[in-house]
Protein backbone atom coordinates (compact mmCIF):
# COMPACT_ATOMS: atom_id res chain seq x y z
CA MET A 1 43.42 -110.53 -63.22
CA ARG A 2 43.61 -113.08 -60.43
CA VAL A 3 46.11 -112.58 -57.63
CA GLY A 4 47.90 -115.69 -56.47
CA PRO A 5 51.04 -117.68 -57.15
CA ASP A 6 50.22 -117.75 -60.87
CA ILE A 7 50.65 -113.96 -61.07
CA ILE A 8 54.26 -114.46 -62.24
CA ARG A 9 52.93 -116.05 -65.43
CA ASP A 10 50.96 -112.94 -66.41
CA GLU A 11 51.89 -110.17 -68.82
CA PHE A 12 53.43 -107.11 -67.19
CA ILE A 13 53.75 -104.84 -70.22
CA GLY A 14 51.33 -101.95 -69.85
CA LEU A 15 51.02 -102.19 -66.06
CA HIS A 16 52.00 -99.41 -63.67
CA VAL A 17 55.04 -100.41 -61.61
CA ARG A 18 57.05 -98.98 -58.73
CA VAL A 19 60.41 -100.17 -57.40
CA VAL A 20 60.03 -100.33 -53.60
CA ARG A 21 63.28 -102.08 -52.59
CA SER A 22 66.56 -102.75 -54.27
CA THR A 23 70.13 -103.66 -53.42
CA HIS A 24 71.10 -100.58 -55.44
CA PRO A 25 69.60 -97.41 -53.90
CA GLY A 26 69.43 -95.65 -57.28
CA TYR A 27 66.57 -97.88 -58.44
CA VAL A 28 64.29 -97.31 -55.44
CA GLY A 29 61.40 -94.98 -56.26
CA ILE A 30 61.42 -95.47 -60.03
CA GLU A 31 57.83 -95.73 -61.17
CA GLY A 32 55.96 -95.63 -64.43
CA THR A 33 54.55 -97.93 -67.07
CA VAL A 34 56.30 -101.12 -68.20
CA VAL A 35 56.90 -100.71 -71.94
CA ASP A 36 59.18 -103.69 -72.57
CA GLU A 37 60.54 -106.75 -70.81
CA THR A 38 63.67 -108.72 -71.51
CA CYS A 39 65.19 -111.73 -69.80
CA ASN A 40 66.78 -109.70 -67.01
CA MET A 41 65.34 -106.18 -67.29
CA PHE A 42 62.13 -104.16 -67.27
CA VAL A 43 62.02 -101.06 -69.44
CA ILE A 44 59.91 -98.49 -67.57
CA ARG A 45 58.63 -95.23 -69.05
CA GLN A 46 58.96 -92.56 -66.37
CA GLY A 47 57.80 -89.19 -67.59
CA GLY A 48 59.21 -88.92 -71.10
CA ARG A 49 62.24 -91.12 -70.48
CA LYS A 50 62.79 -94.86 -70.52
CA LYS A 51 64.69 -96.47 -67.66
CA MET A 52 66.06 -99.99 -67.59
CA VAL A 53 65.69 -101.72 -64.22
CA PRO A 54 67.18 -105.17 -63.51
CA LYS A 55 64.68 -107.69 -62.20
CA ALA A 56 66.96 -109.74 -59.96
CA VAL A 57 67.91 -107.00 -57.48
CA CYS A 58 64.54 -105.26 -57.04
CA VAL A 59 61.15 -105.74 -55.42
CA PHE A 60 58.26 -104.32 -57.46
CA HIS A 61 54.73 -103.10 -56.74
CA PHE A 62 52.52 -103.69 -59.77
CA THR A 63 49.12 -102.01 -60.02
CA LEU A 64 46.70 -104.36 -61.78
CA PRO A 65 43.88 -103.08 -64.03
CA ASP A 66 41.34 -103.54 -61.21
CA GLY A 67 43.42 -101.30 -58.89
CA THR A 68 44.95 -104.08 -56.80
CA VAL A 69 48.60 -103.54 -55.87
CA VAL A 70 50.76 -106.67 -55.87
CA GLU A 71 54.30 -106.96 -54.49
CA ILE A 72 56.56 -109.32 -56.42
CA GLU A 73 60.23 -110.09 -55.90
CA GLY A 74 62.11 -109.55 -59.13
CA ARG A 75 64.15 -112.72 -58.79
CA LEU A 76 60.94 -114.70 -59.41
CA LEU A 77 60.51 -112.87 -62.73
CA VAL A 78 64.01 -113.44 -64.12
CA GLY A 79 63.85 -115.24 -67.44
CA ARG A 80 62.26 -114.71 -70.79
CA PRO A 81 58.58 -113.77 -70.52
CA GLU A 82 57.51 -116.67 -72.70
CA ASP A 83 59.45 -119.15 -70.55
CA ARG A 84 57.71 -118.04 -67.34
CA LEU A 85 54.62 -119.91 -68.55
CA LYS A 86 56.51 -123.18 -68.20
CA LYS A 87 58.17 -122.28 -64.89
CA ARG A 88 57.14 -124.29 -61.84
CA LEU A 89 56.90 -122.21 -58.70
CA ARG A 90 57.89 -123.74 -55.40
CA ARG A 91 55.31 -122.97 -52.73
CA LEU A 92 56.68 -120.65 -50.08
CA TRP A 93 53.55 -120.61 -47.89
């Protein structure tokens, strides 16, 4: 998996994720495997439970299959997964 601005177009289901920052302190520290993704939420399996975490208010660390850890702001991921393919990303750097 290539790391770059196109990372937001990739599939996140099955990746290990950790919430590192959030406007709601209850979401910080949640980590596990992404089992489902909706327009506004990630469903994360933590232990034997599933937790729903909103994308817009969190910053995530995703661990890619090659071991690379990538930090992504959730607001960039808001929207249906299939529509992110068409999304144009404004360069911030």
